[in-house]
């Protein structure tokens, strides 16, 4: 394998774990050190002021790439478990909503009448 065949990830500001993407792993590092002082870049100090604060969170957010690899133009796709949870939640809310409305209207009419 030639040296040119090895891909070196492009580092981005906010990429605290140096994996080439700014994602939830980097947010976790920043969150674990939030409001601390005397920290380094790899601990979440993205603006070099020696502390991890809202300004650093802004830098991370401005450079967010999520689950996309560098150069990958594909859209972010939620995990199947997330989709399942969302679907079940919507079904539960949908089934309870008509009953809620009937009770609410009944109580409102009872109070007025």
N, C-alpha and C. Protein backbone atom coordinates (compact mmCIF):
# COMPACT_ATOMS: atom_id res chain seq x y z
N UNK A 1 0.85 -1.18 0.00
CA UNK A 1 0.00 0.00 0.00
C UNK A 1 0.89 1.23 0.00
N UNK A 2 0.63 2.13 -0.91
CA UNK A 2 1.45 3.33 -1.01
C UNK A 2 1.00 4.35 0.02
N UNK A 3 1.86 5.28 0.39
CA UNK A 3 1.49 6.30 1.38
C UNK A 3 0.30 7.14 0.93
N UNK A 4 0.13 7.31 -0.38
CA UNK A 4 -0.99 8.12 -0.88
C UNK A 4 -2.34 7.44 -0.68
N UNK A 5 -2.35 6.11 -0.50
CA UNK A 5 -3.60 5.37 -0.36
C UNK A 5 -4.21 5.51 1.03
N UNK A 6 -3.43 5.98 2.00
CA UNK A 6 -3.93 6.14 3.36
C UNK A 6 -4.61 7.50 3.48
N UNK A 7 -5.87 7.47 3.83
CA UNK A 7 -6.63 8.72 3.96
C UNK A 7 -6.42 9.31 5.35
N UNK A 8 -6.05 10.56 5.39
CA UNK A 8 -5.90 11.29 6.65
C UNK A 8 -7.13 12.17 6.79
N UNK A 9 -7.91 11.97 7.86
CA UNK A 9 -9.14 12.77 7.98
C UNK A 9 -8.84 14.25 8.11
N UNK A 10 -9.67 15.06 7.48
CA UNK A 10 -9.55 16.51 7.59
C UNK A 10 -10.05 16.91 8.97
N UNK A 11 -9.19 17.57 9.73
CA UNK A 11 -9.59 17.98 11.07
C UNK A 11 -10.37 19.28 11.00
N UNK A 12 -11.43 19.34 11.78
CA UNK A 12 -12.27 20.52 11.82
C UNK A 12 -12.26 21.09 13.22
N UNK A 13 -12.47 22.40 13.31
CA UNK A 13 -12.60 23.04 14.61
C UNK A 13 -13.87 22.49 15.25
N UNK A 14 -13.74 21.95 16.43
CA UNK A 14 -14.85 21.30 17.11
C UNK A 14 -14.70 19.80 17.16
N UNK A 15 -13.77 19.25 16.38
CA UNK A 15 -13.54 17.81 16.35
C UNK A 15 -12.60 17.44 17.49
N UNK A 16 -13.15 17.30 18.68
CA UNK A 16 -12.35 17.10 19.89
C UNK A 16 -11.71 15.72 19.97
N UNK A 17 -12.32 14.71 19.33
CA UNK A 17 -11.76 13.36 19.38
C UNK A 17 -10.96 13.01 18.12
N UNK A 18 -10.76 13.98 17.24
CA UNK A 18 -9.93 13.85 16.04
C UNK A 18 -10.32 12.70 15.14
N UNK A 19 -11.64 12.46 14.98
CA UNK A 19 -12.09 11.40 14.09
C UNK A 19 -12.55 11.92 12.73
N UNK A 20 -12.38 13.21 12.50
CA UNK A 20 -12.72 13.80 11.21
C UNK A 20 -14.12 14.34 11.10
N UNK A 21 -14.94 14.14 12.13
CA UNK A 21 -16.30 14.67 12.12
C UNK A 21 -16.60 15.34 13.46
N UNK A 22 -17.44 16.35 13.42
CA UNK A 22 -17.89 17.02 14.64
C UNK A 22 -19.28 16.47 14.92
N UNK A 23 -19.39 15.64 15.95
CA UNK A 23 -20.64 14.94 16.19
C UNK A 23 -20.94 14.84 17.68
N UNK A 24 -21.84 13.94 18.04
CA UNK A 24 -22.28 13.80 19.42
C UNK A 24 -21.14 13.36 20.35
N UNK A 25 -20.15 12.66 19.83
CA UNK A 25 -19.01 12.28 20.66
C UNK A 25 -18.24 13.52 21.11
N UNK A 26 -18.09 14.47 20.21
CA UNK A 26 -17.41 15.72 20.55
C UNK A 26 -18.26 16.56 21.51
N UNK A 27 -19.57 16.55 21.29
CA UNK A 27 -20.47 17.24 22.20
C UNK A 27 -20.40 16.64 23.60
N UNK A 28 -20.24 15.33 23.69
CA UNK A 28 -20.10 14.66 24.98
C UNK A 28 -18.84 15.09 25.71
N UNK A 29 -17.75 15.24 24.99
CA UNK A 29 -16.49 15.70 25.59
C UNK A 29 -16.66 17.12 26.11
N UNK A 30 -17.25 17.97 25.27
CA UNK A 30 -17.47 19.36 25.69
C UNK A 30 -18.40 19.40 26.90
N UNK A 31 -19.47 18.62 26.86
CA UNK A 31 -20.43 18.60 27.96
C UNK A 31 -19.83 18.11 29.27
N UNK A 32 -18.95 17.13 29.18
CA UNK A 32 -18.32 16.58 30.39
C UNK A 32 -17.41 17.60 31.07
N UNK A 33 -16.92 18.57 30.31
CA UNK A 33 -16.01 19.57 30.86
C UNK A 33 -16.62 20.96 30.93
N UNK A 34 -17.94 21.05 30.71
CA UNK A 34 -18.62 22.35 30.69
C UNK A 34 -18.46 23.07 32.03
N UNK A 35 -18.18 24.36 31.96
CA UNK A 35 -17.96 25.25 33.12
C UNK A 35 -16.67 24.98 33.87
N UNK A 36 -15.78 24.18 33.30
CA UNK A 36 -14.47 23.97 33.92
C UNK A 36 -13.47 24.97 33.36
N UNK A 37 -12.46 25.30 34.14
CA UNK A 37 -11.38 26.18 33.68
C UNK A 37 -10.08 25.41 33.71
N UNK A 38 -9.08 25.96 33.05
CA UNK A 38 -7.77 25.32 32.99
C UNK A 38 -7.78 24.07 32.12
N UNK A 39 -8.63 24.06 31.09
CA UNK A 39 -8.75 22.91 30.21
C UNK A 39 -8.06 23.19 28.87
N UNK A 40 -7.83 22.13 28.11
CA UNK A 40 -7.16 22.22 26.82
C UNK A 40 -8.17 22.07 25.68
N UNK A 41 -7.67 22.20 24.47
CA UNK A 41 -8.52 22.05 23.29
C UNK A 41 -9.22 20.70 23.28
N UNK A 42 -8.48 19.63 23.53
CA UNK A 42 -9.07 18.29 23.47
C UNK A 42 -10.09 18.04 24.57
N UNK A 43 -10.15 18.93 25.56
CA UNK A 43 -11.13 18.82 26.64
C UNK A 43 -12.34 19.74 26.41
N UNK A 44 -12.33 20.48 25.29
CA UNK A 44 -13.48 21.29 24.94
C UNK A 44 -13.24 22.79 24.85
N UNK A 45 -12.03 23.26 25.12
CA UNK A 45 -11.75 24.69 25.02
C UNK A 45 -11.45 25.03 23.56
N UNK A 46 -12.50 25.29 22.79
CA UNK A 46 -12.36 25.49 21.35
C UNK A 46 -11.93 26.89 20.96
N UNK A 47 -12.09 27.87 21.86
CA UNK A 47 -11.70 29.23 21.51
C UNK A 47 -10.43 29.68 22.23
N UNK A 48 -9.80 28.80 23.00
CA UNK A 48 -8.52 29.08 23.61
C UNK A 48 -8.53 30.01 24.80
N UNK A 49 -9.68 30.19 25.46
CA UNK A 49 -9.73 31.10 26.60
C UNK A 49 -9.50 30.39 27.94
N UNK A 50 -9.23 29.08 27.90
CA UNK A 50 -8.93 28.34 29.11
C UNK A 50 -10.12 27.79 29.86
N UNK A 51 -11.33 28.02 29.33
CA UNK A 51 -12.52 27.48 29.97
C UNK A 51 -13.46 26.92 28.92
N UNK A 52 -14.35 26.02 29.35
CA UNK A 52 -15.36 25.46 28.45
C UNK A 52 -16.69 26.11 28.81
N UNK A 53 -17.22 26.89 27.85
CA UNK A 53 -18.43 27.64 28.12
C UNK A 53 -19.29 27.73 26.87
N UNK A 54 -20.26 28.62 26.89
CA UNK A 54 -21.20 28.77 25.79
C UNK A 54 -20.52 29.14 24.48
N UNK A 55 -19.45 29.91 24.56
CA UNK A 55 -18.72 30.28 23.34
C UNK A 55 -18.15 29.04 22.65
N UNK A 56 -17.66 28.09 23.44
CA UNK A 56 -17.12 26.85 22.87
C UNK A 56 -18.23 26.01 22.26
N UNK A 57 -19.39 25.99 22.91
CA UNK A 57 -20.53 25.27 22.37
C UNK A 57 -20.95 25.87 21.03
N UNK A 58 -20.88 27.18 20.92
CA UNK A 58 -21.19 27.85 19.66
C UNK A 58 -20.24 27.46 18.55
N UNK A 59 -18.96 27.36 18.88
CA UNK A 59 -17.96 26.94 17.89
C UNK A 59 -18.25 25.52 17.43
N UNK A 60 -18.56 24.64 18.37
CA UNK A 60 -18.86 23.26 18.03
C UNK A 60 -20.10 23.20 17.14
N UNK A 61 -21.14 23.94 17.50
CA UNK A 61 -22.36 23.95 16.71
C UNK A 61 -22.16 24.49 15.31
N UNK A 62 -21.32 25.49 15.18
CA UNK A 62 -21.07 26.09 13.87
C UNK A 62 -20.33 25.15 12.93
N UNK A 63 -19.63 24.17 13.50
CA UNK A 63 -18.85 23.24 12.69
C UNK A 63 -19.44 21.83 12.70
N UNK A 64 -20.67 21.68 13.18
CA UNK A 64 -21.32 20.37 13.33
C UNK A 64 -21.43 19.67 11.97
N UNK A 65 -20.98 18.43 11.91
CA UNK A 65 -21.15 17.60 10.73
C UNK A 65 -22.00 16.39 11.04
N UNK A 66 -22.35 16.19 12.30
CA UNK A 66 -23.20 15.06 12.69
C UNK A 66 -22.56 13.74 12.36
N UNK A 67 -23.33 12.82 11.80
CA UNK A 67 -22.84 11.48 11.48
C UNK A 67 -22.23 11.38 10.11
N UNK A 68 -22.09 12.49 9.41
CA UNK A 68 -21.55 12.44 8.06
C UNK A 68 -20.03 12.40 8.10
N UNK A 69 -19.46 11.53 7.31
CA UNK A 69 -18.01 11.49 7.16
C UNK A 69 -17.61 12.64 6.25
N UNK A 70 -16.37 13.06 6.35
CA UNK A 70 -15.87 14.13 5.50
C UNK A 70 -15.99 13.71 4.04
N UNK A 71 -16.58 14.56 3.24
CA UNK A 71 -16.74 14.27 1.83
C UNK A 71 -17.96 13.43 1.51
N UNK A 72 -18.69 13.01 2.49
CA UNK A 72 -19.86 12.18 2.26
C UNK A 72 -21.08 13.09 2.16
N UNK A 73 -21.75 13.07 1.05
CA UNK A 73 -22.89 13.94 0.85
C UNK A 73 -24.22 13.32 1.26
N UNK A 74 -24.19 12.15 1.86
CA UNK A 74 -25.46 11.50 2.22
C UNK A 74 -26.13 12.23 3.38
N UNK A 75 -27.43 12.13 3.42
CA UNK A 75 -28.21 12.77 4.48
C UNK A 75 -28.11 11.96 5.76
N UNK A 76 -28.32 12.63 6.88
CA UNK A 76 -28.35 11.94 8.15
C UNK A 76 -29.61 11.10 8.23
N UNK A 77 -29.44 9.85 8.63
CA UNK A 77 -30.57 8.94 8.75
C UNK A 77 -30.66 8.47 10.19
N UNK A 78 -31.80 8.65 10.84
CA UNK A 78 -31.92 8.21 12.23
C UNK A 78 -31.83 6.69 12.33
N UNK A 79 -31.42 6.21 13.48
CA UNK A 79 -31.35 4.78 13.70
C UNK A 79 -32.76 4.20 13.73
N UNK A 80 -32.90 2.91 13.38
CA UNK A 80 -34.23 2.28 13.39
C UNK A 80 -34.91 2.37 14.76
N UNK A 81 -34.16 2.27 15.83
CA UNK A 81 -34.76 2.35 17.17
C UNK A 81 -35.40 3.71 17.39
N UNK A 82 -34.77 4.76 16.90
CA UNK A 82 -35.32 6.11 17.04
C UNK A 82 -36.62 6.24 16.25
N UNK A 83 -36.62 5.71 15.04
CA UNK A 83 -37.83 5.76 14.23
C UNK A 83 -38.96 4.97 14.88
N UNK A 84 -38.63 3.81 15.43
CA UNK A 84 -39.64 2.99 16.10
C UNK A 84 -40.23 3.71 17.29
N UNK A 85 -39.38 4.33 18.10
CA UNK A 85 -39.85 5.06 19.27
C UNK A 85 -40.75 6.23 18.87
N UNK A 86 -40.35 6.95 17.85
CA UNK A 86 -41.16 8.07 17.36
C UNK A 86 -42.52 7.58 16.86
N UNK A 87 -42.52 6.50 16.10
CA UNK A 87 -43.77 5.95 15.57
C UNK A 87 -44.70 5.51 16.69
N UNK A 88 -44.16 4.78 17.67
CA UNK A 88 -44.98 4.33 18.79
C UNK A 88 -45.54 5.51 19.58
N UNK A 89 -44.73 6.54 19.78
CA UNK A 89 -45.19 7.72 20.52
C UNK A 89 -46.34 8.40 19.79
N UNK A 90 -46.21 8.53 18.48
CA UNK A 90 -47.27 9.16 17.71
C UNK A 90 -48.55 8.33 17.75
N UNK A 91 -48.41 7.01 17.71
CA UNK A 91 -49.59 6.15 17.79
C UNK A 91 -50.29 6.28 19.14
N UNK A 92 -49.52 6.31 20.21
CA UNK A 92 -50.10 6.44 21.55
C UNK A 92 -50.81 7.78 21.69
N UNK A 93 -50.16 8.85 21.26
CA UNK A 93 -50.77 10.18 21.35
C UNK A 93 -52.02 10.23 20.48
N UNK A 94 -51.95 9.66 19.29
CA UNK A 94 -53.09 9.66 18.37
C UNK A 94 -54.28 8.91 18.93
N UNK A 95 -54.04 7.83 19.64
CA UNK A 95 -55.14 7.05 20.21
C UNK A 95 -55.75 7.74 21.42
N UNK A 96 -54.94 8.46 22.16
CA UNK A 96 -55.44 9.12 23.36
C UNK A 96 -56.08 10.47 23.06
N UNK A 97 -55.72 11.09 21.99
CA UNK A 97 -56.18 12.43 21.68
C UNK A 97 -57.70 12.53 21.56
N UNK A 98 -58.39 11.66 20.80
CA UNK A 98 -59.85 11.80 20.70
C UNK A 98 -60.54 11.67 22.07
N UNK A 99 -60.10 10.77 22.90
CA UNK A 99 -60.68 10.62 24.24
C UNK A 99 -60.43 11.85 25.09
N UNK A 100 -59.26 12.42 24.97
CA UNK A 100 -58.93 13.62 25.72
C UNK A 100 -59.86 14.76 25.33
N UNK A 101 -60.07 14.91 24.03
CA UNK A 101 -60.95 15.99 23.57
C UNK A 101 -62.36 15.80 24.08
N UNK A 102 -62.87 14.57 24.04
CA UNK A 102 -64.24 14.31 24.50
C UNK A 102 -64.38 14.64 25.98
N UNK A 103 -63.43 14.25 26.81
CA UNK A 103 -63.49 14.52 28.25
C UNK A 103 -63.37 16.02 28.50
N UNK A 104 -62.45 16.67 27.80
CA UNK A 104 -62.23 18.10 27.98
C UNK A 104 -63.49 18.90 27.62
N UNK A 105 -64.10 18.56 26.50
CA UNK A 105 -65.31 19.26 26.06
C UNK A 105 -66.45 19.00 27.04
N UNK A 106 -66.56 17.76 27.51
CA UNK A 106 -67.60 17.41 28.47
C UNK A 106 -67.45 18.19 29.77
N UNK A 107 -66.21 18.29 30.28
CA UNK A 107 -65.97 19.05 31.50
C UNK A 107 -66.25 20.54 31.30
N UNK A 108 -65.89 21.06 30.15
CA UNK A 108 -66.11 22.47 29.87
C UNK A 108 -67.61 22.77 29.82
N UNK A 109 -68.38 21.90 29.16
CA UNK A 109 -69.83 22.08 29.09
C UNK A 109 -70.47 21.95 30.46
N UNK A 110 -69.96 21.04 31.27
CA UNK A 110 -70.50 20.83 32.62
C UNK A 110 -70.31 22.08 33.48
N UNK A 111 -69.13 22.70 33.38
CA UNK A 111 -68.83 23.89 34.17
C UNK A 111 -69.67 25.08 33.72
N UNK A 112 -69.92 25.19 32.42
CA UNK A 112 -70.66 26.33 31.89
C UNK A 112 -72.17 26.17 32.13
N UNK A 113 -72.64 24.95 32.15
CA UNK A 113 -74.07 24.71 32.22
C UNK A 113 -74.59 24.54 33.57
